[in-house]
Structure formats: C-alpha cells, structure tokens
Amino acid sequence: MNAARWAIPLLAAGARWLSAHPEVWEGIKEQAAKLQRTSTSKPDGVLETVAVLREQVDYLAESADDAEEARKAKDWAKRLDSCEKAAQLLKAPGATRKDRTTLKKSVEKLRSEIFAAYIEEMGEDAEKAEGRGGAR
C-alpha cells in the first residue's frame, strides 16, 4: 500500500507513453517492483533504495537530451550520495528516530522525483526510437 502513494500518481503521469509504447512498461514495472520491495524506514532499506535510484539516475544521465537534464541527473547523484552517507551513519548505535525520519522523507522525495523523470525519459526515448524506425 505504501508504494501506491508514490508509484500510482507517477504511472498515471506517464500513461500517455505507456499506452503508446507498451515495451516501456516492462522496464518501468521492474524498477517500480525494486523500489516497492525496499522500506526507507531503516538505514539498510535506504541503502537498497539508493542503489535502485542510482540505476535510474545513471539511465537519466546517459539519456540526457540537454544540459538541464544532465544537470538534474548530476544533482540527483549528489543527493543520493548524501543519503547514502547519512544511512551509513544512522546504522551506528545512538541514531535517533528523528534522524531516521528526516532521512526517510528525503529519500522518499528523491524516489518520487527520480522515478517520475525516469518514466518520462523512458517514454521520450521510446518515441525517439519509433521516429528513427524502431523501438529501443
């Protein structure tokens, strides 16, 4: 049910590409499943979520069509680095619930931003591939 809070609205936003390019659906479904399996309530879950988001940011960086998209991908990578470092620190004894909650909120915000961009980029790439005469 937690995944519905972030995944369903994002998938709805990407529906125009998903309906026109069903091949995109498999990649998005796979990434959504990976994100759904992890909980950001504990540092280990944050680390797993960050790893999945890194895959998406790598794709976004490679597929960047302009300087703005490249800048966003670079910014997300830096923010993921910060979250990863924070999660490592929170694994140590004495970490507070407040610190874990703050990190959880940061990671969930990143998850929504990155996954939305990932869906959009997958759709755009599928449209470009179609325009070149074949699906990616």
C-alpha atoms as a PDB file:
ATOM      1  CA  MET A   1       0.000   0.000   0.000  1.00  0.00           C
ATOM      2  CA  ASN A   2       2.929   2.348   0.685  1.00  0.00           C
ATOM      3  CA  ALA A   3       4.017   2.061  -2.938  1.00  0.00           C
ATOM      4  CA  ALA A   4       0.627   3.253  -4.120  1.00  0.00           C
ATOM      5  CA  ARG A   5       1.292   6.616  -2.526  1.00  0.00           C
ATOM      6  CA  TRP A   6       4.241   7.297  -4.807  1.00  0.00           C
ATOM      7  CA  ALA A   7       4.012   4.900  -7.745  1.00  0.00           C
ATOM      8  CA  ILE A   8       0.391   5.217  -8.869  1.00  0.00           C
ATOM      9  CA  PRO A   9       0.411   9.007  -9.423  1.00  0.00           C
ATOM     10  CA  LEU A  10       3.715   8.728 -11.296  1.00  0.00           C
ATOM     11  CA  LEU A  11       2.463   5.934 -13.506  1.00  0.00           C
ATOM     12  CA  ALA A  12      -0.666   7.951 -14.242  1.00  0.00           C
ATOM     13  CA  ALA A  13       1.541  10.841 -15.350  1.00  0.00           C
ATOM     14  CA  GLY A  14       3.426   8.524 -17.694  1.00  0.00           C
ATOM     15  CA  ALA A  15       0.284   6.883 -19.041  1.00  0.00           C
ATOM     16  CA  ARG A  16       0.488   8.596 -22.415  1.00  0.00           C
ATOM     17  CA  TRP A  17       3.839   6.923 -23.112  1.00  0.00           C
ATOM     18  CA  LEU A  18       2.826   3.647 -21.573  1.00  0.00           C
ATOM     19  CA  SER A  19      -0.229   3.319 -23.786  1.00  0.00           C
ATOM     20  CA  ALA A  20       1.677   4.283 -26.930  1.00  0.00           C
ATOM     21  CA  HIS A  21       4.755   2.205 -26.075  1.00  0.00           C
ATOM     22  CA  PRO A  22       3.872  -0.911 -24.102  1.00  0.00           C
ATOM     23  CA  GLU A  23       7.503  -2.102 -24.334  1.00  0.00           C
ATOM     24  CA  VAL A  24       8.395   0.713 -21.931  1.00  0.00           C
ATOM     25  CA  TRP A  25       6.049  -0.779 -19.358  1.00  0.00           C
ATOM     26  CA  GLU A  26       8.334  -3.738 -18.599  1.00  0.00           C
ATOM     27  CA  GLY A  27      11.297  -1.568 -17.617  1.00  0.00           C
ATOM     28  CA  ILE A  28       9.155   0.724 -15.521  1.00  0.00           C
ATOM     29  CA  LYS A  29       7.387  -2.194 -13.872  1.00  0.00           C
ATOM     30  CA  GLU A  30      10.742  -3.765 -12.995  1.00  0.00           C
ATOM     31  CA  GLN A  31      12.056  -0.548 -11.427  1.00  0.00           C
ATOM     32  CA  ALA A  32       8.802   0.040  -9.520  1.00  0.00           C
ATOM     33  CA  ALA A  33       8.964  -3.502  -8.129  1.00  0.00           C
ATOM     34  CA  LYS A  34      12.535  -2.942  -6.937  1.00  0.00           C
ATOM     35  CA  LEU A  35      11.523   0.277  -5.211  1.00  0.00           C
ATOM     36  CA  GLN A  36       8.450  -1.307  -3.689  1.00  0.00           C
ATOM     37  CA  ARG A  37      10.479  -4.122  -2.111  1.00  0.00           C
ATOM     38  CA  THR A  38      12.525  -1.712  -0.024  1.00  0.00           C
ATOM     39  CA  SER A  39      11.442   0.241   3.011  1.00  0.00           C
ATOM     40  CA  THR A  40      13.012   3.585   3.778  1.00  0.00           C
ATOM     41  CA  SER A  41      12.237   3.243   7.479  1.00  0.00           C
ATOM     42  CA  LYS A  42      15.610   1.663   8.260  1.00  0.00           C
ATOM     43  CA  PRO A  43      19.112   2.527   7.086  1.00  0.00           C
ATOM     44  CA  ASP A  44      19.555  -0.774   5.215  1.00  0.00           C
ATOM     45  CA  GLY A  45      16.334  -0.120   3.295  1.00  0.00           C
ATOM     46  CA  VAL A  46      17.536   3.372   2.469  1.00  0.00           C
ATOM     47  CA  LEU A  47      20.757   1.916   1.083  1.00  0.00           C
ATOM     48  CA  GLU A  48      18.812  -0.537  -1.089  1.00  0.00           C
ATOM     49  CA  THR A  49      16.512   2.240  -2.321  1.00  0.00           C
ATOM     50  CA  VAL A  50      19.506   4.460  -3.108  1.00  0.00           C
ATOM     51  CA  ALA A  51      21.049   1.640  -5.166  1.00  0.00           C
ATOM     52  CA  VAL A  52      17.884   1.305  -7.265  1.00  0.00           C
ATOM     53  CA  LEU A  53      17.627   5.064  -7.694  1.00  0.00           C
ATOM     54  CA  ARG A  54      21.267   5.165  -8.822  1.00  0.00           C
ATOM     55  CA  GLU A  55      20.346   2.813 -11.687  1.00  0.00           C
ATOM     56  CA  GLN A  56      17.638   5.238 -12.728  1.00  0.00           C
ATOM     57  CA  VAL A  57      19.896   8.297 -12.379  1.00  0.00           C
ATOM     58  CA  ASP A  58      22.573   6.553 -14.462  1.00  0.00           C
ATOM     59  CA  TYR A  59      19.971   5.977 -17.172  1.00  0.00           C
ATOM     60  CA  LEU A  60      18.836   9.595 -16.948  1.00  0.00           C
ATOM     61  CA  ALA A  61      22.410  10.849 -17.215  1.00  0.00           C
ATOM     62  CA  GLU A  62      23.109   8.658 -20.248  1.00  0.00           C
ATOM     63  CA  SER A  63      19.838   9.673 -21.912  1.00  0.00           C
ATOM     64  CA  ALA A  64      20.073  13.391 -21.131  1.00  0.00           C
ATOM     65  CA  ASP A  65      18.973  15.382 -24.162  1.00  0.00           C
ATOM     66  CA  ASP A  66      20.229  18.738 -22.956  1.00  0.00           C
ATOM     67  CA  ALA A  67      22.311  20.471 -20.302  1.00  0.00           C
ATOM     68  CA  GLU A  68      19.332  20.850 -17.943  1.00  0.00           C
ATOM     69  CA  GLU A  69      18.619  17.111 -17.891  1.00  0.00           C
ATOM     70  CA  ALA A  70      22.317  16.380 -17.374  1.00  0.00           C
ATOM     71  CA  ARG A  71      22.445  18.898 -14.509  1.00  0.00           C
ATOM     72  CA  LYS A  72      19.402  17.314 -12.839  1.00  0.00           C
ATOM     73  CA  ALA A  73      20.937  13.849 -13.073  1.00  0.00           C
ATOM     74  CA  LYS A  74      24.195  15.125 -11.572  1.00  0.00           C
ATOM     75  CA  ASP A  75      22.278  16.858  -8.758  1.00  0.00           C
ATOM     76  CA  TRP A  76      20.298  13.696  -8.010  1.00  0.00           C
ATOM     77  CA  ALA A  77      23.518  11.676  -7.902  1.00  0.00           C
ATOM     78  CA  LYS A  78      24.975  14.089  -5.329  1.00  0.00           C
ATOM     79  CA  ARG A  79      21.793  13.954  -3.252  1.00  0.00           C
ATOM     80  CA  LEU A  80      21.862  10.159  -3.359  1.00  0.00           C
ATOM     81  CA  ASP A  81      25.491  10.247  -2.174  1.00  0.00           C
ATOM     82  CA  SER A  82      24.387  12.350   0.800  1.00  0.00           C
ATOM     83  CA  CYS A  83      21.537   9.989   1.622  1.00  0.00           C
ATOM     84  CA  GLU A  84      23.870   7.011   1.407  1.00  0.00           C
ATOM     85  CA  LYS A  85      26.353   8.631   3.782  1.00  0.00           C
ATOM     86  CA  ALA A  86      23.561   9.542   6.197  1.00  0.00           C
ATOM     87  CA  ALA A  87      22.206   5.978   6.118  1.00  0.00           C
ATOM     88  CA  GLN A  88      25.655   4.618   6.934  1.00  0.00           C
ATOM     89  CA  LEU A  89      25.882   6.981   9.905  1.00  0.00           C
ATOM     90  CA  LEU A  90      22.403   6.021  11.089  1.00  0.00           C
ATOM     91  CA  LYS A  91      23.423   2.367  11.260  1.00  0.00           C
ATOM     92  CA  ALA A  92      25.625   3.264  14.224  1.00  0.00           C
ATOM     93  CA  PRO A  93      24.274   2.971  17.763  1.00  0.00           C
ATOM     94  CA  GLY A  94      22.689   6.132  19.089  1.00  0.00           C
ATOM     95  CA  ALA A  95      20.932   7.183  15.892  1.00  0.00           C
ATOM     96  CA  THR A  96      17.694   8.971  16.705  1.00  0.00           C
ATOM     97  CA  ARG A  97      14.226   8.328  15.363  1.00  0.00           C
ATOM     98  CA  LYS A  98      14.112  11.976  14.260  1.00  0.00           C
ATOM     99  CA  ASP A  99      17.248  11.500  12.143  1.00  0.00           C
ATOM    100  CA  ARG A 100      15.824   8.334  10.565  1.00  0.00           C
ATOM    101  CA  THR A 101      12.537  10.103   9.832  1.00  0.00           C
ATOM    102  CA  THR A 102      14.329  13.045   8.228  1.00  0.00           C
ATOM    103  CA  LEU A 103      16.346  10.702   6.027  1.00  0.00           C
ATOM    104  CA  LYS A 104      13.249   8.698   5.125  1.00  0.00           C
ATOM    105  CA  LYS A 105      11.464  11.864   3.975  1.00  0.00           C
ATOM    106  CA  SER A 106      14.476  12.934   1.901  1.00  0.00           C
ATOM    107  CA  VAL A 107      14.751   9.553   0.208  1.00  0.00           C
ATOM    108  CA  GLU A 108      11.023   9.349  -0.473  1.00  0.00           C
ATOM    109  CA  LYS A 109      11.097  12.798  -2.086  1.00  0.00           C
ATOM    110  CA  LEU A 110      14.051  11.744  -4.227  1.00  0.00           C
ATOM    111  CA  ARG A 111      12.303   8.489  -5.122  1.00  0.00           C
ATOM    112  CA  SER A 112       9.283  10.398  -6.420  1.00  0.00           C
ATOM    113  CA  GLU A 113      11.363  12.946  -8.359  1.00  0.00           C
ATOM    114  CA  ILE A 114      13.720  10.433  -9.905  1.00  0.00           C
ATOM    115  CA  PHE A 115      11.093   7.811 -10.732  1.00  0.00           C
ATOM    116  CA  ALA A 116       8.888  10.456 -12.398  1.00  0.00           C
ATOM    117  CA  ALA A 117      11.832  11.645 -14.508  1.00  0.00           C
ATOM    118  CA  TYR A 118      12.727   8.024 -15.292  1.00  0.00           C
ATOM    119  CA  ILE A 119       9.209   7.268 -16.554  1.00  0.00           C
ATOM    120  CA  GLU A 120       9.194  10.405 -18.665  1.00  0.00           C
ATOM    121  CA  GLU A 121      12.643   9.734 -20.135  1.00  0.00           C
ATOM    122  CA  MET A 122      11.782   6.126 -20.943  1.00  0.00           C
ATOM    123  CA  GLY A 123       8.720   7.377 -22.819  1.00  0.00           C
ATOM    124  CA  GLU A 124      10.645  10.081 -24.648  1.00  0.00           C
ATOM    125  CA  ASP A 125      13.340   7.609 -25.637  1.00  0.00           C
ATOM    126  CA  ALA A 126      10.698   5.194 -26.933  1.00  0.00           C
ATOM    127  CA  GLU A 127       9.155   7.968 -29.032  1.00  0.00           C
ATOM    128  CA  LYS A 128      12.563   8.916 -30.443  1.00  0.00           C
ATOM    129  CA  ALA A 129      13.318   5.297 -31.257  1.00  0.00           C
ATOM    130  CA  GLU A 130       9.975   4.997 -33.002  1.00  0.00           C
ATOM    131  CA  GLY A 131      10.764   8.112 -35.010  1.00  0.00           C
ATOM    132  CA  ARG A 132      14.042   6.510 -36.121  1.00  0.00           C
ATOM    133  CA  GLY A 133      12.148   3.490 -37.358  1.00  0.00           C
ATOM    134  CA  GLY A 134      12.363   1.061 -34.478  1.00  0.00           C
ATOM    135  CA  ALA A 135      11.711   0.563 -30.810  1.00  0.00           C
ATOM    136  CA  ARG A 136      14.593   0.643 -28.375  1.00  0.00           C
END
